[in-house]
Amino acid sequence: MDCTFCQIIERKKPANIVYEDEDLVVFWDLHPNAPVHLLIVPRIHVDTLNSLDEGSVGIVSKMVLTAKNIAELHKIQSGYRLVINCGREAGQVIFHLHMHLTGGWGRGPSRR
């Protein structure tokens, strides 16, 4: 598969992974726009939110709960943003569903 995120999940491409479980992998964005900028990526390949169906819709709930937990671990629970871009017109570049967790604006540089 040509998907960058699938290759990261399969360990065929490097990434600074901070969390993983049976459903998700979380790693630092290569081009961060915040002191903390992590990507929360499902292990299953789903192109966009528009590609979700009844069998895969639960993954978004798990992504949100994981984002909350990761925000606590990185001490940004007092203020963070979650973004899912859906489609090229919204700025989606890699067509594998993913959520951006950004925050840490009030605490200085990232703790990569």
N, C-alpha and C. Protein backbone atom coordinates (compact mmCIF):
# COMPACT_ATOMS: atom_id res chain seq x y z
N MET A 1 0.84 -1.18 0.00
CA MET A 1 0.00 0.00 0.00
C MET A 1 0.89 1.25 0.00
N ASP A 2 0.40 2.29 -0.63
CA ASP A 2 1.15 3.52 -0.80
C ASP A 2 0.87 4.54 0.31
N CYS A 3 0.02 4.20 1.26
CA CYS A 3 -0.39 5.13 2.31
C CYS A 3 0.73 5.32 3.33
N THR A 4 1.13 6.57 3.53
CA THR A 4 2.20 6.90 4.48
C THR A 4 1.85 6.43 5.89
N PHE A 5 0.62 6.65 6.33
CA PHE A 5 0.25 6.26 7.69
C PHE A 5 0.21 4.75 7.85
N CYS A 6 -0.24 4.03 6.83
CA CYS A 6 -0.21 2.56 6.89
C CYS A 6 1.24 2.09 7.01
N GLN A 7 2.14 2.74 6.30
CA GLN A 7 3.55 2.36 6.37
C GLN A 7 4.13 2.65 7.76
N ILE A 8 3.71 3.72 8.39
CA ILE A 8 4.15 4.01 9.77
C ILE A 8 3.60 2.95 10.72
N ILE A 9 2.33 2.64 10.58
CA ILE A 9 1.70 1.62 11.44
C ILE A 9 2.41 0.28 11.29
N GLU A 10 2.80 -0.06 10.07
CA GLU A 10 3.49 -1.33 9.79
C GLU A 10 4.99 -1.25 10.05
N ARG A 11 5.47 -0.10 10.53
CA ARG A 11 6.89 0.13 10.85
C ARG A 11 7.79 0.08 9.61
N LYS A 12 7.22 0.42 8.47
CA LYS A 12 7.99 0.50 7.24
C LYS A 12 8.53 1.91 7.03
N LYS A 13 7.97 2.89 7.77
CA LYS A 13 8.46 4.27 7.78
C LYS A 13 8.63 4.67 9.24
N PRO A 14 9.64 5.48 9.53
CA PRO A 14 9.86 5.89 10.93
C PRO A 14 8.87 6.96 11.38
N ALA A 15 8.61 6.95 12.67
CA ALA A 15 7.79 7.98 13.30
C ALA A 15 8.10 7.95 14.79
N ASN A 16 7.92 9.08 15.43
CA ASN A 16 8.11 9.19 16.87
C ASN A 16 6.77 8.85 17.54
N ILE A 17 6.56 7.56 17.78
CA ILE A 17 5.30 7.05 18.33
C ILE A 17 5.27 7.26 19.83
N VAL A 18 4.17 7.83 20.33
CA VAL A 18 4.04 8.07 21.76
C VAL A 18 3.02 7.15 22.42
N TYR A 19 2.16 6.52 21.62
CA TYR A 19 1.14 5.64 22.17
C TYR A 19 0.64 4.73 21.05
N GLU A 20 0.28 3.52 21.43
CA GLU A 20 -0.40 2.64 20.50
C GLU A 20 -1.18 1.59 21.27
N ASP A 21 -2.26 1.13 20.68
CA ASP A 21 -3.03 0.02 21.21
C ASP A 21 -3.54 -0.79 20.03
N GLU A 22 -4.51 -1.64 20.27
CA GLU A 22 -4.98 -2.52 19.19
C GLU A 22 -5.70 -1.78 18.08
N ASP A 23 -6.15 -0.54 18.35
CA ASP A 23 -6.93 0.21 17.36
C ASP A 23 -6.24 1.44 16.80
N LEU A 24 -5.34 2.06 17.59
CA LEU A 24 -4.79 3.36 17.23
C LEU A 24 -3.29 3.42 17.39
N VAL A 25 -2.68 4.34 16.63
CA VAL A 25 -1.27 4.69 16.80
C VAL A 25 -1.22 6.22 16.88
N VAL A 26 -0.44 6.74 17.84
CA VAL A 26 -0.32 8.19 18.03
C VAL A 26 1.15 8.57 17.90
N PHE A 27 1.43 9.55 17.05
CA PHE A 27 2.82 9.97 16.83
C PHE A 27 2.88 11.46 16.55
N TRP A 28 4.11 12.01 16.71
CA TRP A 28 4.34 13.43 16.48
C TRP A 28 4.21 13.76 15.01
N ASP A 29 3.58 14.88 14.72
CA ASP A 29 3.47 15.39 13.35
C ASP A 29 4.86 15.85 12.90
N LEU A 30 5.22 15.54 11.67
CA LEU A 30 6.52 15.96 11.14
C LEU A 30 6.61 17.46 10.91
N HIS A 31 5.47 18.10 10.72
CA HIS A 31 5.43 19.54 10.46
C HIS A 31 4.50 20.20 11.48
N PRO A 32 4.91 20.27 12.74
CA PRO A 32 4.02 20.75 13.79
C PRO A 32 3.68 22.23 13.65
N ASN A 33 2.45 22.57 14.03
CA ASN A 33 2.08 23.98 14.09
C ASN A 33 1.66 24.38 15.50
N ALA A 34 2.13 23.61 16.48
CA ALA A 34 1.91 23.91 17.90
C ALA A 34 3.02 23.23 18.68
N PRO A 35 3.27 23.67 19.91
CA PRO A 35 4.30 23.00 20.72
C PRO A 35 4.05 21.50 20.89
N VAL A 36 2.79 21.13 21.04
CA VAL A 36 2.41 19.71 21.01
C VAL A 36 1.52 19.53 19.78
N HIS A 37 1.94 18.68 18.86
CA HIS A 37 1.15 18.40 17.66
C HIS A 37 1.31 16.92 17.35
N LEU A 38 0.30 16.17 17.76
CA LEU A 38 0.30 14.72 17.59
C LEU A 38 -0.79 14.31 16.63
N LEU A 39 -0.57 13.19 15.95
CA LEU A 39 -1.57 12.63 15.05
C LEU A 39 -2.09 11.35 15.66
N ILE A 40 -3.41 11.21 15.70
CA ILE A 40 -4.06 10.02 16.21
C ILE A 40 -4.65 9.29 15.00
N VAL A 41 -4.12 8.09 14.75
CA VAL A 41 -4.39 7.40 13.50
C VAL A 41 -4.94 5.99 13.77
N PRO A 42 -6.08 5.65 13.18
CA PRO A 42 -6.58 4.29 13.34
C PRO A 42 -5.70 3.29 12.57
N ARG A 43 -5.57 2.09 13.12
CA ARG A 43 -4.82 1.05 12.42
C ARG A 43 -5.55 0.61 11.14
N ILE A 44 -6.88 0.64 11.17
CA ILE A 44 -7.63 0.28 9.95
C ILE A 44 -7.53 1.45 8.98
N HIS A 45 -7.42 1.13 7.72
CA HIS A 45 -7.34 2.19 6.71
C HIS A 45 -8.75 2.63 6.33
N VAL A 46 -9.05 3.88 6.66
CA VAL A 46 -10.28 4.56 6.27
C VAL A 46 -9.82 5.85 5.63
N ASP A 47 -10.20 6.10 4.39
CA ASP A 47 -9.72 7.29 3.68
C ASP A 47 -10.07 8.60 4.36
N THR A 48 -11.35 8.81 4.64
CA THR A 48 -11.83 10.07 5.23
C THR A 48 -13.02 9.78 6.14
N LEU A 49 -13.50 10.80 6.82
CA LEU A 49 -14.73 10.66 7.59
C LEU A 49 -15.88 10.19 6.70
N ASN A 50 -15.88 10.63 5.45
CA ASN A 50 -16.94 10.24 4.52
C ASN A 50 -16.93 8.76 4.20
N SER A 51 -15.82 8.08 4.49
CA SER A 51 -15.71 6.65 4.21
C SER A 51 -16.18 5.78 5.37
N LEU A 52 -16.52 6.40 6.51
CA LEU A 52 -16.98 5.62 7.65
C LEU A 52 -18.32 4.95 7.36
N ASP A 53 -18.49 3.77 7.94
CA ASP A 53 -19.77 3.08 7.87
C ASP A 53 -20.13 2.58 9.26
N GLU A 54 -21.21 1.86 9.39
CA GLU A 54 -21.65 1.37 10.70
C GLU A 54 -20.58 0.53 11.39
N GLY A 55 -19.77 -0.19 10.63
CA GLY A 55 -18.74 -1.04 11.21
C GLY A 55 -17.51 -0.30 11.70
N SER A 56 -17.29 0.92 11.22
CA SER A 56 -16.07 1.64 11.56
C SER A 56 -16.29 2.96 12.29
N VAL A 57 -17.53 3.35 12.47
CA VAL A 57 -17.83 4.66 13.05
C VAL A 57 -17.35 4.78 14.50
N GLY A 58 -17.27 3.69 15.24
CA GLY A 58 -16.82 3.72 16.63
C GLY A 58 -15.38 4.16 16.81
N ILE A 59 -14.61 4.08 15.76
CA ILE A 59 -13.19 4.45 15.86
C ILE A 59 -13.03 5.94 16.18
N VAL A 60 -13.95 6.77 15.74
CA VAL A 60 -13.85 8.21 16.00
C VAL A 60 -14.02 8.49 17.50
N SER A 61 -14.93 7.80 18.14
CA SER A 61 -15.10 7.94 19.59
C SER A 61 -13.83 7.55 20.32
N LYS A 62 -13.22 6.47 19.89
CA LYS A 62 -11.98 6.03 20.54
C LYS A 62 -10.86 7.05 20.29
N MET A 63 -10.83 7.66 19.11
CA MET A 63 -9.83 8.68 18.81
C MET A 63 -9.99 9.87 19.76
N VAL A 64 -11.22 10.29 20.00
CA VAL A 64 -11.47 11.45 20.87
C VAL A 64 -11.07 11.12 22.31
N LEU A 65 -11.46 9.96 22.81
CA LEU A 65 -11.10 9.58 24.18
C LEU A 65 -9.58 9.45 24.32
N THR A 66 -8.93 8.90 23.33
CA THR A 66 -7.47 8.78 23.35
C THR A 66 -6.83 10.16 23.34
N ALA A 67 -7.38 11.08 22.56
CA ALA A 67 -6.85 12.45 22.53
C ALA A 67 -6.92 13.08 23.91
N LYS A 68 -8.03 12.90 24.60
CA LYS A 68 -8.17 13.43 25.96
C LYS A 68 -7.09 12.86 26.88
N ASN A 69 -6.89 11.56 26.81
CA ASN A 69 -5.89 10.92 27.66
C ASN A 69 -4.47 11.36 27.31
N ILE A 70 -4.17 11.49 26.04
CA ILE A 70 -2.84 11.94 25.60
C ILE A 70 -2.62 13.40 26.00
N ALA A 71 -3.67 14.22 25.91
CA ALA A 71 -3.56 15.62 26.34
C ALA A 71 -3.19 15.69 27.83
N GLU A 72 -3.77 14.83 28.64
CA GLU A 72 -3.43 14.78 30.06
C GLU A 72 -1.97 14.37 30.25
N LEU A 73 -1.53 13.36 29.51
CA LEU A 73 -0.14 12.89 29.62
C LEU A 73 0.86 13.99 29.26
N HIS A 74 0.50 14.82 28.29
CA HIS A 74 1.40 15.89 27.84
C HIS A 74 1.12 17.22 28.54
N LYS A 75 0.28 17.17 29.58
CA LYS A 75 0.01 18.34 30.44
C LYS A 75 -0.58 19.51 29.67
N ILE A 76 -1.45 19.21 28.69
CA ILE A 76 -2.10 20.28 27.92
C ILE A 76 -3.62 20.22 28.09
N GLN A 77 -4.11 19.50 29.09
CA GLN A 77 -5.55 19.32 29.25
C GLN A 77 -6.30 20.64 29.50
N SER A 78 -5.59 21.69 29.88
CA SER A 78 -6.25 22.98 30.11
C SER A 78 -6.59 23.70 28.80
N GLY A 79 -6.04 23.25 27.68
CA GLY A 79 -6.34 23.87 26.40
C GLY A 79 -5.71 23.15 25.24
N TYR A 80 -6.53 22.49 24.45
CA TYR A 80 -6.03 21.80 23.26
C TYR A 80 -7.11 21.80 22.18
N ARG A 81 -6.70 21.47 20.98
CA ARG A 81 -7.59 21.47 19.84
C ARG A 81 -7.54 20.10 19.16
N LEU A 82 -8.71 19.64 18.70
CA LEU A 82 -8.80 18.41 17.91
C LEU A 82 -9.34 18.79 16.54
N VAL A 83 -8.66 18.33 15.50
CA VAL A 83 -9.08 18.65 14.13
C VAL A 83 -9.01 17.40 13.28
N ILE A 84 -10.08 17.17 12.51
CA ILE A 84 -10.08 16.14 11.47
C ILE A 84 -10.42 16.84 10.17
N ASN A 85 -9.49 16.86 9.24
CA ASN A 85 -9.74 17.42 7.92
C ASN A 85 -10.38 16.33 7.07
N CYS A 86 -11.44 16.68 6.36
CA CYS A 86 -12.14 15.70 5.54
C CYS A 86 -12.14 16.17 4.08
N GLY A 87 -11.26 15.58 3.31
CA GLY A 87 -11.17 15.89 1.89
C GLY A 87 -10.13 16.95 1.58
N ARG A 88 -9.72 16.94 0.34
CA ARG A 88 -8.67 17.84 -0.14
C ARG A 88 -9.05 19.31 0.07
N GLU A 89 -10.31 19.66 -0.16
CA GLU A 89 -10.75 21.05 -0.01
C GLU A 89 -10.66 21.54 1.43
N ALA A 90 -10.63 20.61 2.39
CA ALA A 90 -10.51 20.97 3.81
C ALA A 90 -9.06 20.92 4.28
N GLY A 91 -8.15 20.56 3.38
CA GLY A 91 -6.75 20.51 3.74
C GLY A 91 -6.21 19.14 4.06
N GLN A 92 -7.01 18.09 3.84
CA GLN A 92 -6.50 16.74 4.07
C GLN A 92 -5.45 16.42 3.02
N VAL A 93 -4.27 16.01 3.47
CA VAL A 93 -3.16 15.71 2.57
C VAL A 93 -2.94 14.21 2.46
N ILE A 94 -3.01 13.53 3.59
CA ILE A 94 -2.85 12.07 3.59
C ILE A 94 -4.22 11.46 3.76
N PHE A 95 -4.62 10.63 2.82
CA PHE A 95 -5.96 10.07 2.81
C PHE A 95 -6.01 8.76 3.59
N HIS A 96 -5.81 8.93 4.88
CA HIS A 96 -6.01 7.91 5.91
C HIS A 96 -6.56 8.72 7.09
N LEU A 97 -7.77 8.42 7.51
CA LEU A 97 -8.40 9.16 8.59
C LEU A 97 -7.42 9.40 9.72
N HIS A 98 -7.34 10.63 10.20
CA HIS A 98 -6.48 10.96 11.34
C HIS A 98 -6.97 12.24 12.00
N MET A 99 -6.63 12.36 13.27
CA MET A 99 -7.02 13.52 14.07
C MET A 99 -5.75 14.23 14.54
N HIS A 100 -5.74 15.54 14.40
CA HIS A 100 -4.63 16.35 14.91
C HIS A 100 -4.98 16.76 16.34
N LEU A 101 -4.08 16.50 17.27
CA LEU A 101 -4.18 16.97 18.65
C LEU A 101 -3.11 18.03 18.80
N THR A 102 -3.53 19.28 18.99
CA THR A 102 -2.58 20.38 19.12
C THR A 102 -2.84 21.13 20.42
N GLY A 103 -1.76 21.63 21.01
CA GLY A 103 -1.89 22.40 22.24
C GLY A 103 -0.52 22.77 22.76
N GLY A 104 -0.50 23.23 23.99
CA GLY A 104 0.76 23.60 24.63
C GLY A 104 1.22 25.00 24.34
N TRP A 105 0.33 25.85 23.83
CA TRP A 105 0.75 27.19 23.45
C TRP A 105 1.23 28.01 24.63
N GLY A 106 0.72 27.74 25.81
CA GLY A 106 1.09 28.53 26.97
C GLY A 106 2.27 27.99 27.75
N ARG A 107 2.91 26.95 27.26
CA ARG A 107 3.98 26.35 28.08
C ARG A 107 5.35 26.30 27.43
N GLY A 108 5.51 26.86 26.24
CA GLY A 108 6.83 26.90 25.61
C GLY A 108 7.02 25.78 24.60
N PRO A 109 8.29 25.45 24.28
CA PRO A 109 8.59 24.48 23.24
C PRO A 109 8.10 23.08 23.58
N SER A 110 7.98 22.27 22.54
CA SER A 110 7.51 20.89 22.72
C SER A 110 8.49 20.05 23.51
N ARG A 111 8.00 18.99 24.03
CA ARG A 111 8.83 18.06 24.80
C ARG A 111 8.99 16.76 24.04
N ARG A 112 9.40 16.87 22.82
CA ARG A 112 9.57 15.69 21.99
C ARG A 112 10.61 14.84 22.60
